[in-house]
């Protein structure tokens, strides 16, 4: 069962139609045609159960959700930064860093900061 009330779902849905589950079962082809124009809220005993929408609308919503996903930007930044590890000479640079003394690391950090 949905935890959304009908009024909450209607506020989210925008333009839509509402059909009872029994009507959807009996008229599936007509419901699919209707869903190509607008979302169809399917109810069972006047409670929202599902929303039928076109495949195009679903793809549009998924694309919008991905575009707004803050983790996408973080993953892209992470991948960009980790790509440095694939560059020629990266292994030698890491060996140099990990084999450095604390004094050498501090001197390198201070030199970088002064630039």
N, C-alpha and C. Protein backbone atom coordinates (compact mmCIF):
# COMPACT_ATOMS: atom_id res chain seq x y z
N UNK A 1 0.83 -1.19 0.00
CA UNK A 1 0.00 0.00 0.00
C UNK A 1 0.88 1.26 0.00
N UNK A 2 0.40 2.26 -0.68
CA UNK A 2 1.10 3.52 -0.75
C UNK A 2 0.92 4.28 0.56
N UNK A 3 1.97 4.98 0.97
CA UNK A 3 1.84 5.80 2.16
C UNK A 3 1.37 7.21 1.80
N UNK A 4 1.32 7.52 0.50
CA UNK A 4 0.82 8.81 0.06
C UNK A 4 -0.70 8.83 0.07
N UNK A 5 -1.25 9.95 0.46
CA UNK A 5 -2.70 10.11 0.33
C UNK A 5 -3.00 10.52 -1.10
N UNK A 6 -4.23 10.42 -1.49
CA UNK A 6 -4.62 10.79 -2.84
C UNK A 6 -4.33 12.26 -3.09
N UNK A 7 -4.62 13.12 -2.14
CA UNK A 7 -4.37 14.56 -2.34
C UNK A 7 -2.87 14.85 -2.45
N UNK A 8 -2.04 14.15 -1.69
CA UNK A 8 -0.58 14.34 -1.80
C UNK A 8 -0.09 13.91 -3.18
N UNK A 9 -0.57 12.78 -3.67
CA UNK A 9 -0.15 12.28 -4.98
C UNK A 9 -0.66 13.20 -6.09
N UNK A 10 -1.88 13.69 -5.97
CA UNK A 10 -2.42 14.60 -6.97
C UNK A 10 -1.60 15.89 -7.04
N UNK A 11 -1.13 16.37 -5.91
CA UNK A 11 -0.31 17.58 -5.88
C UNK A 11 1.02 17.36 -6.61
N UNK A 12 1.55 16.17 -6.50
CA UNK A 12 2.81 15.83 -7.16
C UNK A 12 2.60 15.60 -8.65
N UNK A 13 1.52 14.93 -8.99
CA UNK A 13 1.30 14.45 -10.35
C UNK A 13 1.04 15.55 -11.36
N UNK A 14 0.44 16.63 -10.97
CA UNK A 14 0.07 17.62 -11.98
C UNK A 14 -1.09 17.09 -12.81
N UNK A 15 -1.03 17.29 -14.13
CA UNK A 15 -2.09 16.81 -15.03
C UNK A 15 -2.12 15.29 -15.00
N UNK A 16 -3.28 14.74 -14.72
CA UNK A 16 -3.40 13.29 -14.62
C UNK A 16 -4.87 12.90 -14.73
N UNK A 17 -5.09 11.62 -14.80
CA UNK A 17 -6.44 11.08 -14.67
C UNK A 17 -6.38 10.02 -13.58
N UNK A 18 -7.54 9.64 -13.09
CA UNK A 18 -7.61 8.64 -12.02
C UNK A 18 -8.52 7.50 -12.48
N UNK A 19 -8.04 6.29 -12.30
CA UNK A 19 -8.82 5.11 -12.68
C UNK A 19 -8.74 4.09 -11.56
N UNK A 20 -9.84 3.35 -11.37
CA UNK A 20 -9.85 2.27 -10.39
C UNK A 20 -9.10 1.07 -10.96
N UNK A 21 -8.50 0.28 -10.08
CA UNK A 21 -7.73 -0.88 -10.52
C UNK A 21 -8.57 -1.82 -11.38
N UNK A 22 -9.80 -2.02 -11.02
CA UNK A 22 -10.66 -2.92 -11.81
C UNK A 22 -10.86 -2.38 -13.22
N UNK A 23 -10.95 -1.06 -13.37
CA UNK A 23 -11.09 -0.44 -14.68
C UNK A 23 -9.81 -0.62 -15.50
N UNK A 24 -8.68 -0.52 -14.83
CA UNK A 24 -7.40 -0.70 -15.51
C UNK A 24 -7.28 -2.13 -16.03
N UNK A 25 -7.65 -3.09 -15.20
CA UNK A 25 -7.59 -4.49 -15.62
C UNK A 25 -8.47 -4.75 -16.84
N UNK A 26 -9.64 -4.18 -16.84
CA UNK A 26 -10.60 -4.43 -17.92
C UNK A 26 -10.28 -3.65 -19.20
N UNK A 27 -9.56 -2.55 -19.08
CA UNK A 27 -9.34 -1.66 -20.23
C UNK A 27 -7.86 -1.29 -20.39
N UNK A 28 -6.99 -2.25 -20.26
CA UNK A 28 -5.55 -1.97 -20.25
C UNK A 28 -5.09 -1.18 -21.48
N UNK A 29 -5.50 -1.59 -22.67
CA UNK A 29 -5.05 -0.90 -23.88
C UNK A 29 -5.47 0.57 -23.88
N UNK A 30 -6.66 0.84 -23.46
CA UNK A 30 -7.14 2.22 -23.40
C UNK A 30 -6.37 3.02 -22.35
N UNK A 31 -6.03 2.38 -21.25
CA UNK A 31 -5.26 3.05 -20.19
C UNK A 31 -3.87 3.39 -20.70
N UNK A 32 -3.25 2.47 -21.44
CA UNK A 32 -1.92 2.72 -22.01
C UNK A 32 -1.98 3.90 -22.97
N UNK A 33 -2.99 3.97 -23.79
CA UNK A 33 -3.15 5.11 -24.71
C UNK A 33 -3.33 6.41 -23.93
N UNK A 34 -4.11 6.35 -22.88
CA UNK A 34 -4.33 7.53 -22.04
C UNK A 34 -3.03 7.98 -21.37
N UNK A 35 -2.22 7.00 -20.95
CA UNK A 35 -0.96 7.30 -20.26
C UNK A 35 0.05 7.96 -21.20
N UNK A 36 -0.12 7.81 -22.49
CA UNK A 36 0.77 8.49 -23.44
C UNK A 36 0.53 10.00 -23.44
N UNK A 37 -0.65 10.41 -22.97
CA UNK A 37 -1.00 11.84 -22.93
C UNK A 37 -0.75 12.44 -21.54
N UNK A 38 -1.03 11.66 -20.51
CA UNK A 38 -0.86 12.14 -19.13
C UNK A 38 -0.80 10.94 -18.18
N UNK A 39 -0.24 11.17 -17.00
CA UNK A 39 -0.16 10.09 -16.03
C UNK A 39 -1.55 9.64 -15.60
N UNK A 40 -1.66 8.35 -15.31
CA UNK A 40 -2.92 7.77 -14.84
C UNK A 40 -2.67 7.22 -13.44
N UNK A 41 -3.35 7.77 -12.46
CA UNK A 41 -3.25 7.28 -11.08
C UNK A 41 -4.23 6.14 -10.92
N UNK A 42 -3.72 5.00 -10.50
CA UNK A 42 -4.55 3.81 -10.31
C UNK A 42 -4.86 3.70 -8.82
N UNK A 43 -6.15 3.59 -8.51
CA UNK A 43 -6.58 3.50 -7.12
C UNK A 43 -7.19 2.13 -6.83
N UNK A 44 -7.14 1.77 -5.59
CA UNK A 44 -7.79 0.57 -5.08
C UNK A 44 -8.51 0.98 -3.81
N UNK A 45 -9.81 0.88 -3.79
CA UNK A 45 -10.62 1.35 -2.66
C UNK A 45 -10.30 2.82 -2.35
N UNK A 46 -10.21 3.62 -3.41
CA UNK A 46 -9.96 5.07 -3.32
C UNK A 46 -8.61 5.44 -2.73
N UNK A 47 -7.69 4.49 -2.67
CA UNK A 47 -6.33 4.77 -2.23
C UNK A 47 -5.39 4.61 -3.42
N UNK A 48 -4.43 5.51 -3.59
CA UNK A 48 -3.52 5.39 -4.73
C UNK A 48 -2.65 4.14 -4.59
N UNK A 49 -2.54 3.40 -5.68
CA UNK A 49 -1.75 2.16 -5.71
C UNK A 49 -0.55 2.28 -6.64
N UNK A 50 -0.76 2.93 -7.79
CA UNK A 50 0.29 3.00 -8.80
C UNK A 50 0.02 4.18 -9.72
N UNK A 51 1.04 4.50 -10.51
CA UNK A 51 0.89 5.51 -11.55
C UNK A 51 1.36 4.89 -12.86
N UNK A 52 0.52 4.97 -13.87
CA UNK A 52 0.87 4.47 -15.20
C UNK A 52 1.27 5.67 -16.03
N UNK A 53 2.44 5.58 -16.68
CA UNK A 53 2.91 6.67 -17.54
C UNK A 53 3.60 6.08 -18.75
N UNK A 54 3.79 6.90 -19.76
CA UNK A 54 4.45 6.43 -20.97
C UNK A 54 5.93 6.15 -20.67
N UNK A 55 6.52 5.33 -21.50
CA UNK A 55 7.95 5.02 -21.35
C UNK A 55 8.78 6.29 -21.55
N UNK A 56 8.35 7.15 -22.43
CA UNK A 56 9.07 8.41 -22.68
C UNK A 56 9.06 9.29 -21.44
N UNK A 57 7.90 9.39 -20.80
CA UNK A 57 7.79 10.21 -19.58
C UNK A 57 8.65 9.62 -18.47
N UNK A 58 8.65 8.30 -18.35
CA UNK A 58 9.47 7.64 -17.34
C UNK A 58 10.95 7.96 -17.58
N UNK A 59 11.40 7.85 -18.83
CA UNK A 59 12.79 8.14 -19.16
C UNK A 59 13.13 9.60 -18.85
N UNK A 60 12.20 10.50 -19.14
CA UNK A 60 12.39 11.92 -18.85
C UNK A 60 12.56 12.15 -17.35
N UNK A 61 11.70 11.54 -16.55
CA UNK A 61 11.78 11.70 -15.09
C UNK A 61 13.08 11.12 -14.54
N UNK A 62 13.48 9.95 -15.05
CA UNK A 62 14.73 9.34 -14.59
C UNK A 62 15.92 10.22 -14.95
N UNK A 63 15.90 10.78 -16.15
CA UNK A 63 16.98 11.67 -16.57
C UNK A 63 17.07 12.91 -15.69
N UNK A 64 15.93 13.50 -15.38
CA UNK A 64 15.90 14.68 -14.51
C UNK A 64 16.42 14.33 -13.11
N UNK A 65 16.02 13.18 -12.60
CA UNK A 65 16.47 12.77 -11.27
C UNK A 65 17.98 12.56 -11.25
N UNK A 66 18.51 11.93 -12.29
CA UNK A 66 19.96 11.71 -12.36
C UNK A 66 20.71 13.04 -12.47
N UNK A 67 20.17 13.96 -13.24
CA UNK A 67 20.83 15.25 -13.43
C UNK A 67 20.90 16.03 -12.11
N UNK A 68 19.95 15.82 -11.25
CA UNK A 68 19.92 16.54 -9.97
C UNK A 68 20.59 15.77 -8.84
N UNK A 69 21.06 14.57 -9.12
CA UNK A 69 21.67 13.72 -8.10
C UNK A 69 23.05 14.26 -7.72
N UNK A 70 23.23 14.72 -6.47
CA UNK A 70 24.53 15.26 -6.07
C UNK A 70 25.65 14.22 -6.11
N UNK A 71 25.31 12.95 -5.99
CA UNK A 71 26.34 11.93 -6.05
C UNK A 71 26.94 11.78 -7.44
N UNK A 72 26.19 12.13 -8.47
CA UNK A 72 26.72 12.06 -9.84
C UNK A 72 27.92 13.00 -9.96
N UNK A 73 27.77 14.23 -9.49
CA UNK A 73 28.88 15.19 -9.56
C UNK A 73 30.06 14.71 -8.72
N UNK A 74 29.79 14.16 -7.54
CA UNK A 74 30.88 13.66 -6.70
C UNK A 74 31.62 12.51 -7.38
N UNK A 75 30.85 11.59 -8.01
CA UNK A 75 31.49 10.47 -8.72
C UNK A 75 32.35 10.96 -9.87
N UNK A 76 31.83 11.94 -10.62
CA UNK A 76 32.58 12.49 -11.75
C UNK A 76 33.88 13.13 -11.27
N UNK A 77 33.79 13.89 -10.19
CA UNK A 77 35.00 14.53 -9.63
C UNK A 77 35.98 13.47 -9.13
N UNK A 78 35.47 12.46 -8.45
CA UNK A 78 36.32 11.37 -7.96
C UNK A 78 37.03 10.68 -9.14
N UNK A 79 36.26 10.35 -10.17
CA UNK A 79 36.83 9.69 -11.34
C UNK A 79 37.90 10.56 -12.00
N UNK A 80 37.62 11.87 -12.07
CA UNK A 80 38.59 12.79 -12.66
C UNK A 80 39.89 12.81 -11.85
N UNK A 81 39.76 12.85 -10.55
CA UNK A 81 40.95 12.89 -9.71
C UNK A 81 41.70 11.55 -9.74
N UNK A 82 40.96 10.46 -9.79
CA UNK A 82 41.62 9.15 -9.80
C UNK A 82 42.26 8.83 -11.15
N UNK A 83 41.83 9.52 -12.20
CA UNK A 83 42.42 9.31 -13.53
C UNK A 83 43.91 9.66 -13.52
N UNK A 84 44.30 10.54 -12.62
CA UNK A 84 45.71 10.91 -12.49
C UNK A 84 46.57 9.67 -12.19
N UNK A 85 45.98 8.72 -11.49
CA UNK A 85 46.74 7.52 -11.13
C UNK A 85 47.06 6.65 -12.35
N UNK A 86 46.37 6.87 -13.45
CA UNK A 86 46.60 6.08 -14.66
C UNK A 86 47.63 6.73 -15.58
N UNK A 87 48.07 7.94 -15.26
CA UNK A 87 49.02 8.64 -16.11
C UNK A 87 50.40 8.01 -16.00
N UNK A 88 51.20 8.13 -17.06
CA UNK A 88 52.57 7.60 -16.99
C UNK A 88 53.36 8.27 -15.86
N UNK A 89 54.09 7.49 -15.12
CA UNK A 89 54.91 8.01 -14.03
C UNK A 89 54.17 8.14 -12.71
N UNK A 90 52.88 7.86 -12.69
CA UNK A 90 52.10 8.02 -11.46
C UNK A 90 52.61 7.09 -10.36
N UNK A 91 52.97 5.88 -10.72
CA UNK A 91 53.45 4.91 -9.73
C UNK A 91 54.71 5.43 -9.03
N UNK A 92 55.61 5.98 -9.81
CA UNK A 92 56.86 6.50 -9.24
C UNK A 92 56.60 7.70 -8.32
N UNK A 93 55.64 8.56 -8.72
CA UNK A 93 55.29 9.71 -7.87
C UNK A 93 54.73 9.25 -6.53
N UNK A 94 53.85 8.23 -6.57
CA UNK A 94 53.27 7.72 -5.32
C UNK A 94 54.35 7.07 -4.45
N UNK A 95 55.26 6.33 -5.07
CA UNK A 95 56.36 5.73 -4.30
C UNK A 95 57.18 6.81 -3.61
N UNK A 96 57.43 7.89 -4.33
CA UNK A 96 58.20 9.00 -3.75
C UNK A 96 57.47 9.62 -2.56
N UNK A 97 56.16 9.82 -2.72
CA UNK A 97 55.36 10.41 -1.64
C UNK A 97 55.34 9.49 -0.42
N UNK A 98 55.06 8.20 -0.64
CA UNK A 98 54.94 7.28 0.49
C UNK A 98 56.27 6.99 1.17
N UNK A 99 57.35 7.19 0.46
CA UNK A 99 58.67 6.96 1.05
C UNK A 99 59.29 8.22 1.61
N UNK A 100 58.57 9.34 1.54
CA UNK A 100 59.08 10.61 2.06
C UNK A 100 59.00 10.64 3.58
N UNK A 101 59.92 11.39 4.16
CA UNK A 101 59.88 11.60 5.61
C UNK A 101 58.87 12.71 5.90
N UNK A 102 58.43 12.82 7.14
CA UNK A 102 57.52 13.92 7.48
C UNK A 102 58.12 15.29 7.16
N UNK A 103 59.42 15.43 7.36
CA UNK A 103 60.08 16.70 7.08
C UNK A 103 60.02 17.03 5.58
N UNK A 104 60.23 16.00 4.75
CA UNK A 104 60.18 16.20 3.30
C UNK A 104 58.76 16.58 2.86
N UNK A 105 57.77 15.92 3.44
CA UNK A 105 56.38 16.25 3.11
C UNK A 105 56.04 17.68 3.51
N UNK A 106 56.49 18.09 4.70
CA UNK A 106 56.22 19.45 5.18
C UNK A 106 56.89 20.47 4.28
N UNK A 107 58.12 20.20 3.87
CA UNK A 107 58.84 21.13 2.99
C UNK A 107 58.13 21.24 1.64
N UNK A 108 57.66 20.12 1.10
CA UNK A 108 56.96 20.14 -0.19
C UNK A 108 55.64 20.89 -0.08
N UNK A 109 54.92 20.69 1.03
CA UNK A 109 53.64 21.37 1.24
C UNK A 109 53.87 22.87 1.37
N UNK A 110 54.89 23.27 2.13
CA UNK A 110 55.18 24.69 2.30
C UNK A 110 55.60 25.33 0.98
N UNK A 111 56.38 24.62 0.19
CA UNK A 111 56.81 25.15 -1.11
C UNK A 111 55.61 25.33 -2.02
N UNK A 112 54.70 24.39 -2.01
CA UNK A 112 53.49 24.46 -2.84
C UNK A 112 52.60 25.62 -2.40
N UNK A 113 52.50 25.82 -1.10
CA UNK A 113 51.67 26.89 -0.56
C UNK A 113 52.21 28.27 -0.94
N UNK A 114 53.51 28.39 -1.02
CA UNK A 114 54.14 29.70 -1.32
C UNK A 114 54.02 30.07 -2.79
N UNK A 115 53.65 29.13 -3.64
CA UNK A 115 53.51 29.42 -5.09
C UNK A 115 52.27 30.19 -5.38
